[in-house]
């Protein structure tokens, strides 16, 4: 995910380790919030763009750069 962001020229982004000890509530809440069962997940201004497979497909098609512009 990070590499896809870098390849489209995005360098200013934040991350959060949802697998860290004590983050189980956040992990479960994120699944409900996004209705997306897997991680990592990419969000822009609170909107889910997709998981890793979706983001990689978006990068290949040019949609990722457009979505993050």
C-alpha atoms as a PDB file:
ATOM      1  CA  UNK A   1       0.000   0.000   0.000  1.00  0.00           C
ATOM      2  CA  UNK A   2       2.752   2.431   0.962  1.00  0.00           C
ATOM      3  CA  UNK A   3       4.714   1.600  -2.170  1.00  0.00           C
ATOM      4  CA  UNK A   4       1.643   2.204  -4.352  1.00  0.00           C
ATOM      5  CA  UNK A   5       1.206   5.612  -2.717  1.00  0.00           C
ATOM      6  CA  UNK A   6       4.848   6.474  -3.299  1.00  0.00           C
ATOM      7  CA  UNK A   7       4.738   5.336  -6.925  1.00  0.00           C
ATOM      8  CA  UNK A   8       1.931   7.810  -7.646  1.00  0.00           C
ATOM      9  CA  UNK A   9       3.848  10.615  -5.963  1.00  0.00           C
ATOM     10  CA  UNK A  10       2.126  10.730  -2.572  1.00  0.00           C
ATOM     11  CA  UNK A  11       4.535  11.303   0.296  1.00  0.00           C
ATOM     12  CA  UNK A  12       2.333  12.975   2.893  1.00  0.00           C
ATOM     13  CA  UNK A  13       0.164  10.302   4.524  1.00  0.00           C
ATOM     14  CA  UNK A  14      -0.453   8.831   7.932  1.00  0.00           C
ATOM     15  CA  UNK A  15      -0.549   5.266   9.145  1.00  0.00           C
ATOM     16  CA  UNK A  16      -1.889   3.460  12.174  1.00  0.00           C
ATOM     17  CA  UNK A  17      -0.846  -0.022  13.290  1.00  0.00           C
ATOM     18  CA  UNK A  18      -4.161  -1.766  13.929  1.00  0.00           C
ATOM     19  CA  UNK A  19      -2.297  -4.979  14.735  1.00  0.00           C
ATOM     20  CA  UNK A  20      -0.554  -3.447  17.741  1.00  0.00           C
ATOM     21  CA  UNK A  21      -1.352  -4.751  21.181  1.00  0.00           C
ATOM     22  CA  UNK A  22      -4.363  -2.927  22.561  1.00  0.00           C
ATOM     23  CA  UNK A  23      -5.793  -2.008  19.147  1.00  0.00           C
ATOM     24  CA  UNK A  24      -8.363  -4.818  18.928  1.00  0.00           C
ATOM     25  CA  UNK A  25     -11.292  -2.452  19.524  1.00  0.00           C
ATOM     26  CA  UNK A  26     -10.074  -0.224  16.702  1.00  0.00           C
ATOM     27  CA  UNK A  27      -9.661  -3.229  14.390  1.00  0.00           C
ATOM     28  CA  UNK A  28     -13.190  -4.407  15.055  1.00  0.00           C
ATOM     29  CA  UNK A  29     -14.628  -0.908  14.815  1.00  0.00           C
ATOM     30  CA  UNK A  30     -12.888  -0.317  11.512  1.00  0.00           C
ATOM     31  CA  UNK A  31     -14.402  -3.494  10.045  1.00  0.00           C
ATOM     32  CA  UNK A  32     -17.857  -2.227  10.979  1.00  0.00           C
ATOM     33  CA  UNK A  33     -17.140   1.326   9.809  1.00  0.00           C
ATOM     34  CA  UNK A  34     -15.811   0.291   6.419  1.00  0.00           C
ATOM     35  CA  UNK A  35     -17.725  -2.956   5.906  1.00  0.00           C
ATOM     36  CA  UNK A  36     -14.414  -4.254   4.537  1.00  0.00           C
ATOM     37  CA  UNK A  37     -13.056  -7.451   6.128  1.00  0.00           C
ATOM     38  CA  UNK A  38      -9.337  -7.210   5.347  1.00  0.00           C
ATOM     39  CA  UNK A  39      -6.378  -4.927   5.994  1.00  0.00           C
ATOM     40  CA  UNK A  40      -4.628  -2.756   4.963  1.00  0.00           C
ATOM     41  CA  UNK A  41      -7.263  -0.230   3.992  1.00  0.00           C
ATOM     42  CA  UNK A  42      -6.703   3.110   2.307  1.00  0.00           C
ATOM     43  CA  UNK A  43      -8.859   6.110   3.222  1.00  0.00           C
ATOM     44  CA  UNK A  44      -8.990   9.624   1.872  1.00  0.00           C
ATOM     45  CA  UNK A  45     -10.805  12.148   4.070  1.00  0.00           C
ATOM     46  CA  UNK A  46     -12.642   9.357   5.871  1.00  0.00           C
ATOM     47  CA  UNK A  47     -13.778   7.558   2.713  1.00  0.00           C
ATOM     48  CA  UNK A  48     -12.546   4.039   2.019  1.00  0.00           C
ATOM     49  CA  UNK A  49     -10.803   3.767  -1.336  1.00  0.00           C
ATOM     50  CA  UNK A  50     -10.157   0.047  -0.927  1.00  0.00           C
ATOM     51  CA  UNK A  51      -7.885  -2.690   0.268  1.00  0.00           C
ATOM     52  CA  UNK A  52      -4.491  -3.544  -1.163  1.00  0.00           C
ATOM     53  CA  UNK A  53      -5.762  -5.393  -4.266  1.00  0.00           C
ATOM     54  CA  UNK A  54      -8.151  -2.576  -5.131  1.00  0.00           C
ATOM     55  CA  UNK A  55      -5.490   0.087  -4.590  1.00  0.00           C
ATOM     56  CA  UNK A  56      -3.009  -1.796  -6.783  1.00  0.00           C
ATOM     57  CA  UNK A  57      -5.614  -2.069  -9.561  1.00  0.00           C
ATOM     58  CA  UNK A  58      -6.396   1.631  -9.168  1.00  0.00           C
ATOM     59  CA  UNK A  59      -2.695   2.436  -9.474  1.00  0.00           C
ATOM     60  CA  UNK A  60      -2.343   0.413 -12.680  1.00  0.00           C
ATOM     61  CA  UNK A  61      -5.376   2.074 -14.255  1.00  0.00           C
ATOM     62  CA  UNK A  62      -4.368   5.595 -13.199  1.00  0.00           C
ATOM     63  CA  UNK A  63      -7.399   5.973 -10.914  1.00  0.00           C
ATOM     64  CA  UNK A  64      -5.334   6.100  -7.718  1.00  0.00           C
ATOM     65  CA  UNK A  65      -3.367   9.175  -8.735  1.00  0.00           C
ATOM     66  CA  UNK A  66      -6.604  10.848  -9.822  1.00  0.00           C
ATOM     67  CA  UNK A  67      -8.416   9.905  -6.585  1.00  0.00           C
ATOM     68  CA  UNK A  68      -5.606  11.278  -4.451  1.00  0.00           C
ATOM     69  CA  UNK A  69      -5.049  14.492  -6.426  1.00  0.00           C
END
